[in-house]
Amino acid sequence: MKRAVSDLKVADPKPSLDPHDQSYAVAAASTPRRRGGRAHEVLDPETYAAIKAECPGWDLDVLIKQFDAFLNSNPDEMPRNYSKRFYAS
């Protein structure tokens, strides 16, 4: 029995609910974000419509790629809501 369970991973019984907990930054740094797709597929429909209305002519696909590059280089900047964080940045 001891050998059978020796390779099992033990989960933290009480994971932190704090989004600024260092464990989240470690996980973010080891797993790059790759959203891919186009802005209208990635953003919430309301956020996409608001940005298009406020900033006509902007290439949101390019801005999404730049935003993802920013997030990948700053693991402490993990947003709770991707669309809201994108719109606020």
N, C-alpha and C. Protein backbone atom coordinates (compact mmCIF):
# COMPACT_ATOMS: atom_id res chain seq x y z
N MET A 1 0.82 -1.18 0.00
CA MET A 1 0.00 0.00 0.00
C MET A 1 0.87 1.26 0.00
N LYS A 2 1.94 1.22 0.77
CA LYS A 2 2.82 2.38 0.87
C LYS A 2 3.42 2.74 -0.49
N ARG A 3 3.84 1.71 -1.26
CA ARG A 3 4.40 1.96 -2.59
C ARG A 3 3.34 2.50 -3.54
N ALA A 4 2.12 2.03 -3.40
CA ALA A 4 1.04 2.46 -4.30
C ALA A 4 0.72 3.95 -4.14
N VAL A 5 0.78 4.45 -2.94
CA VAL A 5 0.42 5.84 -2.70
C VAL A 5 1.62 6.78 -2.67
N SER A 6 2.82 6.25 -2.77
CA SER A 6 4.02 7.09 -2.67
C SER A 6 4.15 8.08 -3.82
N ASP A 7 3.60 7.76 -5.00
CA ASP A 7 3.71 8.66 -6.15
C ASP A 7 2.53 9.61 -6.27
N LEU A 8 1.57 9.50 -5.40
CA LEU A 8 0.42 10.39 -5.47
C LEU A 8 0.79 11.78 -4.98
N LYS A 9 0.24 12.76 -5.64
CA LYS A 9 0.51 14.15 -5.28
C LYS A 9 -0.46 14.55 -4.16
N VAL A 10 0.05 15.20 -3.16
CA VAL A 10 -0.79 15.65 -2.06
C VAL A 10 -1.22 17.08 -2.34
N ALA A 11 -2.52 17.30 -2.40
CA ALA A 11 -3.04 18.64 -2.64
C ALA A 11 -3.11 19.42 -1.34
N ASP A 12 -2.91 20.71 -1.45
CA ASP A 12 -3.03 21.58 -0.28
C ASP A 12 -4.49 21.55 0.17
N PRO A 13 -4.74 21.15 1.42
CA PRO A 13 -6.14 21.03 1.85
C PRO A 13 -6.86 22.37 1.87
N LYS A 14 -6.15 23.48 2.06
CA LYS A 14 -6.77 24.81 2.08
C LYS A 14 -5.99 25.73 1.16
N PRO A 15 -6.25 25.69 -0.15
CA PRO A 15 -5.53 26.59 -1.04
C PRO A 15 -5.90 28.04 -0.73
N SER A 16 -4.97 28.92 -0.94
CA SER A 16 -5.19 30.34 -0.65
C SER A 16 -6.23 30.93 -1.59
N LEU A 17 -7.08 31.76 -1.05
CA LEU A 17 -8.06 32.48 -1.87
C LEU A 17 -7.54 33.87 -2.23
N ASP A 18 -6.38 34.22 -1.71
CA ASP A 18 -5.78 35.52 -1.99
C ASP A 18 -5.15 35.48 -3.38
N PRO A 19 -5.63 36.31 -4.32
CA PRO A 19 -5.07 36.29 -5.68
C PRO A 19 -3.61 36.75 -5.73
N HIS A 20 -3.11 37.37 -4.65
CA HIS A 20 -1.73 37.83 -4.62
C HIS A 20 -0.81 36.84 -3.93
N ASP A 21 -1.34 35.67 -3.58
CA ASP A 21 -0.54 34.64 -2.96
C ASP A 21 0.60 34.25 -3.90
N GLN A 22 1.79 34.08 -3.36
CA GLN A 22 2.98 33.78 -4.16
C GLN A 22 2.82 32.50 -4.99
N SER A 23 2.02 31.55 -4.54
CA SER A 23 1.85 30.31 -5.29
C SER A 23 1.22 30.56 -6.65
N TYR A 24 0.37 31.57 -6.75
CA TYR A 24 -0.24 31.90 -8.04
C TYR A 24 0.80 32.50 -8.99
N ALA A 25 1.70 33.33 -8.47
CA ALA A 25 2.75 33.91 -9.29
C ALA A 25 3.69 32.83 -9.81
N VAL A 26 4.00 31.85 -8.96
CA VAL A 26 4.87 30.74 -9.37
C VAL A 26 4.19 29.95 -10.49
N ALA A 27 2.91 29.67 -10.33
CA ALA A 27 2.17 28.93 -11.36
C ALA A 27 2.10 29.72 -12.65
N ALA A 28 1.90 31.01 -12.56
CA ALA A 28 1.82 31.85 -13.76
C ALA A 28 3.15 31.89 -14.49
N ALA A 29 4.23 31.97 -13.73
CA ALA A 29 5.55 32.03 -14.36
C ALA A 29 5.91 30.74 -15.07
N SER A 30 5.43 29.62 -14.55
CA SER A 30 5.77 28.35 -15.17
C SER A 30 4.82 27.96 -16.30
N THR A 31 3.71 28.66 -16.43
CA THR A 31 2.74 28.36 -17.47
C THR A 31 2.41 29.62 -18.25
N PRO A 32 3.10 29.88 -19.35
CA PRO A 32 2.81 31.08 -20.12
C PRO A 32 1.37 31.08 -20.64
N ARG A 33 0.78 32.25 -20.64
CA ARG A 33 -0.59 32.38 -21.14
C ARG A 33 -0.57 32.47 -22.66
N ARG A 34 -1.36 31.68 -23.29
CA ARG A 34 -1.49 31.73 -24.74
C ARG A 34 -2.97 31.76 -25.07
N ARG A 35 -3.50 32.90 -25.21
CA ARG A 35 -4.92 33.03 -25.51
C ARG A 35 -5.20 32.69 -26.96
N GLY A 36 -4.38 33.26 -27.83
CA GLY A 36 -4.62 33.02 -29.25
C GLY A 36 -5.96 33.58 -29.67
N GLY A 37 -6.31 33.33 -30.87
CA GLY A 37 -7.60 33.79 -31.34
C GLY A 37 -7.64 35.29 -31.56
N ARG A 38 -8.79 35.72 -31.98
CA ARG A 38 -8.99 37.13 -32.28
C ARG A 38 -9.68 37.80 -31.10
N ALA A 39 -9.59 39.13 -31.06
CA ALA A 39 -10.11 39.89 -29.92
C ALA A 39 -11.58 39.58 -29.65
N HIS A 40 -12.40 39.48 -30.70
CA HIS A 40 -13.83 39.23 -30.47
C HIS A 40 -14.10 37.83 -29.92
N GLU A 41 -13.12 36.93 -30.04
CA GLU A 41 -13.26 35.58 -29.48
C GLU A 41 -12.75 35.52 -28.04
N VAL A 42 -11.86 36.43 -27.66
CA VAL A 42 -11.21 36.39 -26.36
C VAL A 42 -11.94 37.27 -25.33
N LEU A 43 -12.35 38.45 -25.76
CA LEU A 43 -12.97 39.40 -24.84
C LEU A 43 -14.45 39.12 -24.66
N ASP A 44 -14.97 39.55 -23.50
CA ASP A 44 -16.41 39.47 -23.29
C ASP A 44 -17.09 40.33 -24.34
N PRO A 45 -18.25 39.92 -24.85
CA PRO A 45 -18.93 40.70 -25.90
C PRO A 45 -19.20 42.15 -25.51
N GLU A 46 -19.56 42.39 -24.25
CA GLU A 46 -19.84 43.76 -23.80
C GLU A 46 -18.57 44.60 -23.82
N THR A 47 -17.48 44.02 -23.38
CA THR A 47 -16.20 44.74 -23.35
C THR A 47 -15.73 45.02 -24.77
N TYR A 48 -15.85 44.04 -25.63
CA TYR A 48 -15.44 44.22 -27.03
C TYR A 48 -16.23 45.35 -27.67
N ALA A 49 -17.54 45.35 -27.48
CA ALA A 49 -18.40 46.39 -28.07
C ALA A 49 -18.05 47.76 -27.50
N ALA A 50 -17.78 47.84 -26.20
CA ALA A 50 -17.44 49.12 -25.58
C ALA A 50 -16.13 49.67 -26.14
N ILE A 51 -15.14 48.82 -26.30
CA ILE A 51 -13.85 49.27 -26.83
C ILE A 51 -14.01 49.71 -28.29
N LYS A 52 -14.73 48.93 -29.07
CA LYS A 52 -14.93 49.30 -30.48
C LYS A 52 -15.66 50.63 -30.61
N ALA A 53 -16.62 50.89 -29.71
CA ALA A 53 -17.37 52.15 -29.76
C ALA A 53 -16.50 53.32 -29.31
N GLU A 54 -15.70 53.10 -28.28
CA GLU A 54 -14.87 54.16 -27.72
C GLU A 54 -13.62 54.44 -28.55
N CYS A 55 -13.08 53.41 -29.19
CA CYS A 55 -11.81 53.53 -29.92
C CYS A 55 -11.95 52.95 -31.33
N PRO A 56 -12.75 53.58 -32.18
CA PRO A 56 -12.92 53.04 -33.53
C PRO A 56 -11.61 53.06 -34.31
N GLY A 57 -11.36 52.01 -35.05
CA GLY A 57 -10.16 51.93 -35.87
C GLY A 57 -8.97 51.28 -35.18
N TRP A 58 -9.05 51.05 -33.89
CA TRP A 58 -7.95 50.38 -33.19
C TRP A 58 -7.92 48.91 -33.56
N ASP A 59 -6.73 48.37 -33.73
CA ASP A 59 -6.57 46.96 -34.04
C ASP A 59 -6.48 46.18 -32.73
N LEU A 60 -7.60 45.67 -32.28
CA LEU A 60 -7.64 44.98 -30.99
C LEU A 60 -6.87 43.68 -30.99
N ASP A 61 -6.73 43.06 -32.14
CA ASP A 61 -5.95 41.82 -32.21
C ASP A 61 -4.49 42.08 -31.87
N VAL A 62 -3.94 43.17 -32.36
CA VAL A 62 -2.56 43.54 -32.04
C VAL A 62 -2.44 43.92 -30.57
N LEU A 63 -3.41 44.66 -30.06
CA LEU A 63 -3.37 45.06 -28.65
C LEU A 63 -3.48 43.85 -27.72
N ILE A 64 -4.28 42.85 -28.10
CA ILE A 64 -4.39 41.62 -27.30
C ILE A 64 -3.03 40.93 -27.22
N LYS A 65 -2.32 40.85 -28.34
CA LYS A 65 -1.00 40.21 -28.35
C LYS A 65 -0.03 40.97 -27.46
N GLN A 66 -0.08 42.30 -27.50
CA GLN A 66 0.80 43.10 -26.65
C GLN A 66 0.44 42.92 -25.18
N PHE A 67 -0.86 42.86 -24.89
CA PHE A 67 -1.32 42.67 -23.52
C PHE A 67 -0.89 41.30 -23.00
N ASP A 68 -1.02 40.26 -23.82
CA ASP A 68 -0.58 38.92 -23.41
C ASP A 68 0.93 38.89 -23.16
N ALA A 69 1.70 39.60 -23.99
CA ALA A 69 3.15 39.67 -23.78
C ALA A 69 3.45 40.36 -22.45
N PHE A 70 2.70 41.40 -22.13
CA PHE A 70 2.86 42.08 -20.85
C PHE A 70 2.56 41.13 -19.70
N LEU A 71 1.45 40.39 -19.78
CA LEU A 71 1.08 39.46 -18.72
C LEU A 71 2.12 38.35 -18.57
N ASN A 72 2.64 37.85 -19.68
CA ASN A 72 3.64 36.78 -19.63
C ASN A 72 4.95 37.26 -19.01
N SER A 73 5.28 38.52 -19.18
CA SER A 73 6.53 39.03 -18.61
C SER A 73 6.35 39.55 -17.18
N ASN A 74 5.11 39.61 -16.71
CA ASN A 74 4.81 40.09 -15.36
C ASN A 74 3.87 39.11 -14.65
N PRO A 75 4.40 38.02 -14.14
CA PRO A 75 3.53 37.00 -13.55
C PRO A 75 2.73 37.49 -12.34
N ASP A 76 3.14 38.60 -11.73
CA ASP A 76 2.38 39.15 -10.61
C ASP A 76 1.13 39.89 -11.08
N GLU A 77 0.96 40.04 -12.36
CA GLU A 77 -0.17 40.77 -12.93
C GLU A 77 -1.28 39.84 -13.43
N MET A 78 -1.53 38.75 -12.72
CA MET A 78 -2.58 37.83 -13.15
C MET A 78 -3.95 38.45 -12.90
N PRO A 79 -4.69 38.74 -13.95
CA PRO A 79 -6.00 39.37 -13.75
C PRO A 79 -7.06 38.36 -13.35
N ARG A 80 -7.98 38.81 -12.52
CA ARG A 80 -9.13 37.96 -12.19
C ARG A 80 -10.07 37.87 -13.37
N ASN A 81 -10.25 39.00 -14.05
CA ASN A 81 -11.12 39.05 -15.22
C ASN A 81 -10.29 39.62 -16.37
N TYR A 82 -9.97 38.79 -17.34
CA TYR A 82 -9.10 39.18 -18.45
C TYR A 82 -9.66 40.38 -19.21
N SER A 83 -10.94 40.33 -19.55
CA SER A 83 -11.54 41.41 -20.35
C SER A 83 -11.52 42.74 -19.62
N LYS A 84 -11.89 42.73 -18.35
CA LYS A 84 -11.89 43.97 -17.59
C LYS A 84 -10.48 44.53 -17.43
N ARG A 85 -9.53 43.66 -17.19
CA ARG A 85 -8.14 44.11 -17.03
C ARG A 85 -7.60 44.65 -18.35
N PHE A 86 -7.94 44.02 -19.45
CA PHE A 86 -7.51 44.50 -20.76
C PHE A 86 -8.08 45.89 -21.02
N TYR A 87 -9.33 46.08 -20.74
CA TYR A 87 -9.99 47.35 -21.00
C TYR A 87 -9.46 48.45 -20.08
N ALA A 88 -9.08 48.09 -18.86
CA ALA A 88 -8.59 49.08 -17.90
C ALA A 88 -7.13 49.44 -18.13
N SER A 89 -6.39 48.59 -18.84
CA SER A 89 -4.95 48.86 -18.98
C SER A 89 -4.65 49.88 -20.05
